[in-house]
Amino acid sequence: MNQPPPHVISANTAEESLKELLRLARYLRSPEGCPWDREQTTASFAHHLCGEAEELSEAVEGGDNAHIAEELGDTLFCTLMTAVVAEDEGRFGLLEALKQAYAKMIRRHGHLFGAHTAETPEEVAQVWKRIKADEKAERLR
């Protein structure tokens, strides 16, 4: 039987807390978990994620740090749930998504990890756009 996660995060670091949040997401999708969460699809959670991102944006505009932290947490959780659902659907695993995100951020920071040169934020943005356009062209081949 799948043991329910604790009611409060006991972790002392952000890394441990992310692990506990992922455990909660997987529990909610389990047979012992929540019927609503089990019913969700990658598409439905992607839709929920858009709503949470909008709420985060509104919180940032409002400037209340506690509200920003709450909405950021909701966005993180919804992102994790989307990945867990994708795993359940056999699409890909969270590890694959994390590795792809890491590799993309390394590529897109070509001024730090590649041969590109950029000294100012504007130059960094230009490099980013150029690399992103190259990635898109490569995908279309």
C-alpha atoms as a PDB file:
ATOM      1  CA  MET A   1       0.000   0.000   0.000  1.00  0.00           C
ATOM      2  CA  ASN A   2       1.175   3.496  -0.846  1.00  0.00           C
ATOM      3  CA  GLN A   3       1.750   5.409   2.398  1.00  0.00           C
ATOM      4  CA  PRO A   4       0.351   8.932   2.443  1.00  0.00           C
ATOM      5  CA  PRO A   5       2.898  11.704   2.724  1.00  0.00           C
ATOM      6  CA  PRO A   6       3.146  13.740   5.921  1.00  0.00           C
ATOM      7  CA  HIS A   7       0.724  16.636   6.360  1.00  0.00           C
ATOM      8  CA  VAL A   8       3.587  19.117   6.740  1.00  0.00           C
ATOM      9  CA  ILE A   9       6.908  19.285   4.880  1.00  0.00           C
ATOM     10  CA  SER A  10       9.609  18.175   7.277  1.00  0.00           C
ATOM     11  CA  ALA A  11      12.476  19.037   4.945  1.00  0.00           C
ATOM     12  CA  ASN A  12      15.046  21.660   5.833  1.00  0.00           C
ATOM     13  CA  THR A  13      16.230  22.485   2.312  1.00  0.00           C
ATOM     14  CA  ALA A  14      14.547  23.490  -0.921  1.00  0.00           C
ATOM     15  CA  GLU A  15      15.896  20.335  -2.582  1.00  0.00           C
ATOM     16  CA  GLU A  16      14.360  18.074   0.071  1.00  0.00           C
ATOM     17  CA  SER A  17      11.100  20.032  -0.094  1.00  0.00           C
ATOM     18  CA  LEU A  18      10.893  19.534  -3.868  1.00  0.00           C
ATOM     19  CA  LYS A  19      11.360  15.812  -3.309  1.00  0.00           C
ATOM     20  CA  GLU A  20       8.501  15.794  -0.774  1.00  0.00           C
ATOM     21  CA  LEU A  21       6.279  17.816  -3.118  1.00  0.00           C
ATOM     22  CA  LEU A  22       6.968  15.290  -5.883  1.00  0.00           C
ATOM     23  CA  ARG A  23       6.113  12.459  -3.488  1.00  0.00           C
ATOM     24  CA  LEU A  24       2.804  14.194  -2.711  1.00  0.00           C
ATOM     25  CA  ALA A  25       2.041  14.613  -6.426  1.00  0.00           C
ATOM     26  CA  ARG A  26       2.686  10.911  -7.056  1.00  0.00           C
ATOM     27  CA  TYR A  27       0.581   9.932  -4.044  1.00  0.00           C
ATOM     28  CA  LEU A  28      -2.347  12.036  -5.248  1.00  0.00           C
ATOM     29  CA  ARG A  29      -2.244  10.168  -8.585  1.00  0.00           C
ATOM     30  CA  SER A  30      -1.997   6.747  -6.918  1.00  0.00           C
ATOM     31  CA  PRO A  31      -4.928   4.360  -6.359  1.00  0.00           C
ATOM     32  CA  GLU A  32      -4.962   5.483  -2.703  1.00  0.00           C
ATOM     33  CA  GLY A  33      -4.906   9.142  -3.733  1.00  0.00           C
ATOM     34  CA  CYS A  34      -7.428  11.615  -5.076  1.00  0.00           C
ATOM     35  CA  PRO A  35     -10.026  10.676  -7.719  1.00  0.00           C
ATOM     36  CA  TRP A  36      -9.915  14.184  -9.231  1.00  0.00           C
ATOM     37  CA  ASP A  37      -6.121  14.127  -9.560  1.00  0.00           C
ATOM     38  CA  ARG A  38      -6.214  10.621 -11.090  1.00  0.00           C
ATOM     39  CA  GLU A  39      -8.716  11.834 -13.682  1.00  0.00           C
ATOM     40  CA  GLN A  40      -6.501  14.683 -14.923  1.00  0.00           C
ATOM     41  CA  THR A  41      -4.520  14.520 -18.153  1.00  0.00           C
ATOM     42  CA  THR A  42      -1.389  16.256 -19.347  1.00  0.00           C
ATOM     43  CA  ALA A  43      -3.629  18.632 -21.301  1.00  0.00           C
ATOM     44  CA  SER A  44      -5.860  19.445 -18.336  1.00  0.00           C
ATOM     45  CA  PHE A  45      -2.896  20.107 -16.054  1.00  0.00           C
ATOM     46  CA  ALA A  46      -1.250  22.247 -18.734  1.00  0.00           C
ATOM     47  CA  HIS A  47      -4.451  24.314 -18.696  1.00  0.00           C
ATOM     48  CA  HIS A  48      -4.367  24.538 -14.876  1.00  0.00           C
ATOM     49  CA  LEU A  49      -0.707  25.558 -15.079  1.00  0.00           C
ATOM     50  CA  CYS A  50      -1.592  28.509 -17.323  1.00  0.00           C
ATOM     51  CA  GLY A  51      -4.100  29.692 -14.725  1.00  0.00           C
ATOM     52  CA  GLU A  52      -1.556  29.347 -11.926  1.00  0.00           C
ATOM     53  CA  ALA A  53       1.032  31.259 -13.963  1.00  0.00           C
ATOM     54  CA  GLU A  54      -1.480  34.092 -14.420  1.00  0.00           C
ATOM     55  CA  GLU A  55      -2.143  34.140 -10.662  1.00  0.00           C
ATOM     56  CA  LEU A  56       1.615  34.255 -10.045  1.00  0.00           C
ATOM     57  CA  SER A  57       1.947  37.189 -12.426  1.00  0.00           C
ATOM     58  CA  GLU A  58      -0.833  39.044 -10.615  1.00  0.00           C
ATOM     59  CA  ALA A  59       0.807  38.332  -7.256  1.00  0.00           C
ATOM     60  CA  VAL A  60       4.143  39.683  -8.499  1.00  0.00           C
ATOM     61  CA  GLU A  61       2.413  42.825  -9.740  1.00  0.00           C
ATOM     62  CA  GLY A  62       0.773  43.177  -6.315  1.00  0.00           C
ATOM     63  CA  GLY A  63       4.152  42.979  -4.587  1.00  0.00           C
ATOM     64  CA  ASP A  64       3.037  40.922  -1.558  1.00  0.00           C
ATOM     65  CA  ASN A  65       5.903  38.466  -0.970  1.00  0.00           C
ATOM     66  CA  ALA A  66       3.755  35.965   0.948  1.00  0.00           C
ATOM     67  CA  HIS A  67       1.244  35.894  -1.906  1.00  0.00           C
ATOM     68  CA  ILE A  68       4.036  35.591  -4.484  1.00  0.00           C
ATOM     69  CA  ALA A  69       5.519  32.628  -2.573  1.00  0.00           C
ATOM     70  CA  GLU A  70       2.089  30.972  -2.381  1.00  0.00           C
ATOM     71  CA  GLU A  71       1.434  31.357  -6.102  1.00  0.00           C
ATOM     72  CA  LEU A  72       4.965  30.281  -7.009  1.00  0.00           C
ATOM     73  CA  GLY A  73       4.397  27.153  -4.920  1.00  0.00           C
ATOM     74  CA  ASP A  74       1.120  26.509  -6.751  1.00  0.00           C
ATOM     75  CA  THR A  75       2.902  26.913 -10.085  1.00  0.00           C
ATOM     76  CA  LEU A  76       5.696  24.553  -9.041  1.00  0.00           C
ATOM     77  CA  PHE A  77       3.190  21.965  -7.819  1.00  0.00           C
ATOM     78  CA  CYS A  78       1.117  22.185 -10.985  1.00  0.00           C
ATOM     79  CA  THR A  79       4.287  21.788 -13.055  1.00  0.00           C
ATOM     80  CA  LEU A  80       5.250  18.686 -11.061  1.00  0.00           C
ATOM     81  CA  MET A  81       1.736  17.273 -11.410  1.00  0.00           C
ATOM     82  CA  THR A  82       1.866  17.805 -15.180  1.00  0.00           C
ATOM     83  CA  ALA A  83       5.120  15.832 -15.281  1.00  0.00           C
ATOM     84  CA  VAL A  84       3.702  13.062 -13.074  1.00  0.00           C
ATOM     85  CA  VAL A  85       0.652  12.784 -15.334  1.00  0.00           C
ATOM     86  CA  ALA A  86       2.933  12.638 -18.389  1.00  0.00           C
ATOM     87  CA  GLU A  87       4.827   9.788 -16.689  1.00  0.00           C
ATOM     88  CA  ASP A  88       1.544   7.997 -15.964  1.00  0.00           C
ATOM     89  CA  GLU A  89       0.476   8.435 -19.588  1.00  0.00           C
ATOM     90  CA  GLY A  90       3.782   6.937 -20.762  1.00  0.00           C
ATOM     91  CA  ARG A  91       4.821  10.134 -22.557  1.00  0.00           C
ATOM     92  CA  PHE A  92       8.098  10.879 -20.737  1.00  0.00           C
ATOM     93  CA  GLY A  93       9.471  11.024 -17.229  1.00  0.00           C
ATOM     94  CA  LEU A  94      10.239  13.977 -15.006  1.00  0.00           C
ATOM     95  CA  LEU A  95      13.932  13.108 -15.232  1.00  0.00           C
ATOM     96  CA  GLU A  96      13.833  13.516 -19.016  1.00  0.00           C
ATOM     97  CA  ALA A  97      12.105  16.902 -18.731  1.00  0.00           C
ATOM     98  CA  LEU A  98      14.610  18.081 -16.109  1.00  0.00           C
ATOM     99  CA  LYS A  99      17.585  16.964 -18.196  1.00  0.00           C
ATOM    100  CA  GLN A 100      16.174  18.701 -21.261  1.00  0.00           C
ATOM    101  CA  ALA A 101      15.577  21.924 -19.309  1.00  0.00           C
ATOM    102  CA  TYR A 102      19.105  21.830 -17.908  1.00  0.00           C
ATOM    103  CA  ALA A 103      20.678  21.228 -21.312  1.00  0.00           C
ATOM    104  CA  LYS A 104      18.571  23.983 -22.870  1.00  0.00           C
ATOM    105  CA  MET A 105      19.595  26.538 -20.238  1.00  0.00           C
ATOM    106  CA  ILE A 106      23.264  25.626 -20.756  1.00  0.00           C
ATOM    107  CA  ARG A 107      22.847  26.039 -24.548  1.00  0.00           C
ATOM    108  CA  ARG A 108      20.900  29.271 -24.244  1.00  0.00           C
ATOM    109  CA  HIS A 109      23.628  30.755 -22.050  1.00  0.00           C
ATOM    110  CA  GLY A 110      26.130  30.424 -24.862  1.00  0.00           C
ATOM    111  CA  HIS A 111      27.964  33.500 -23.592  1.00  0.00           C
ATOM    112  CA  LEU A 112      28.859  31.521 -20.441  1.00  0.00           C
ATOM    113  CA  PHE A 113      29.068  27.928 -21.652  1.00  0.00           C
ATOM    114  CA  GLY A 114      29.739  28.277 -25.375  1.00  0.00           C
ATOM    115  CA  ALA A 115      31.555  30.320 -27.969  1.00  0.00           C
ATOM    116  CA  HIS A 116      29.191  33.309 -27.955  1.00  0.00           C
ATOM    117  CA  THR A 117      30.205  36.673 -26.552  1.00  0.00           C
ATOM    118  CA  ALA A 118      27.863  38.970 -24.647  1.00  0.00           C
ATOM    119  CA  GLU A 119      28.743  41.714 -22.197  1.00  0.00           C
ATOM    120  CA  THR A 120      25.432  43.493 -21.678  1.00  0.00           C
ATOM    121  CA  PRO A 121      21.902  42.279 -20.940  1.00  0.00           C
ATOM    122  CA  GLU A 122      20.911  43.374 -24.451  1.00  0.00           C
ATOM    123  CA  GLU A 123      23.692  41.296 -26.018  1.00  0.00           C
ATOM    124  CA  VAL A 124      22.700  38.322 -23.853  1.00  0.00           C
ATOM    125  CA  ALA A 125      19.102  38.665 -25.107  1.00  0.00           C
ATOM    126  CA  GLN A 126      20.348  38.739 -28.717  1.00  0.00           C
ATOM    127  CA  VAL A 127      22.448  35.604 -28.182  1.00  0.00           C
ATOM    128  CA  TRP A 128      19.470  33.893 -26.510  1.00  0.00           C
ATOM    129  CA  LYS A 129      17.177  34.741 -29.438  1.00  0.00           C
ATOM    130  CA  ARG A 130      19.742  33.571 -31.996  1.00  0.00           C
ATOM    131  CA  ILE A 131      20.268  30.245 -30.203  1.00  0.00           C
ATOM    132  CA  LYS A 132      16.511  29.780 -29.779  1.00  0.00           C
ATOM    133  CA  ALA A 133      15.952  30.427 -33.502  1.00  0.00           C
ATOM    134  CA  ASP A 134      18.686  27.911 -34.360  1.00  0.00           C
ATOM    135  CA  GLU A 135      17.020  25.322 -32.087  1.00  0.00           C
ATOM    136  CA  LYS A 136      13.657  25.904 -33.764  1.00  0.00           C
ATOM    137  CA  ALA A 137      15.184  25.555 -37.240  1.00  0.00           C
ATOM    138  CA  GLU A 138      16.840  22.301 -36.153  1.00  0.00           C
ATOM    139  CA  ARG A 139      13.518  20.913 -34.849  1.00  0.00           C
ATOM    140  CA  LEU A 140      11.834  21.708 -38.168  1.00  0.00           C
ATOM    141  CA  ARG A 141      14.400  19.743 -40.182  1.00  0.00           C
END
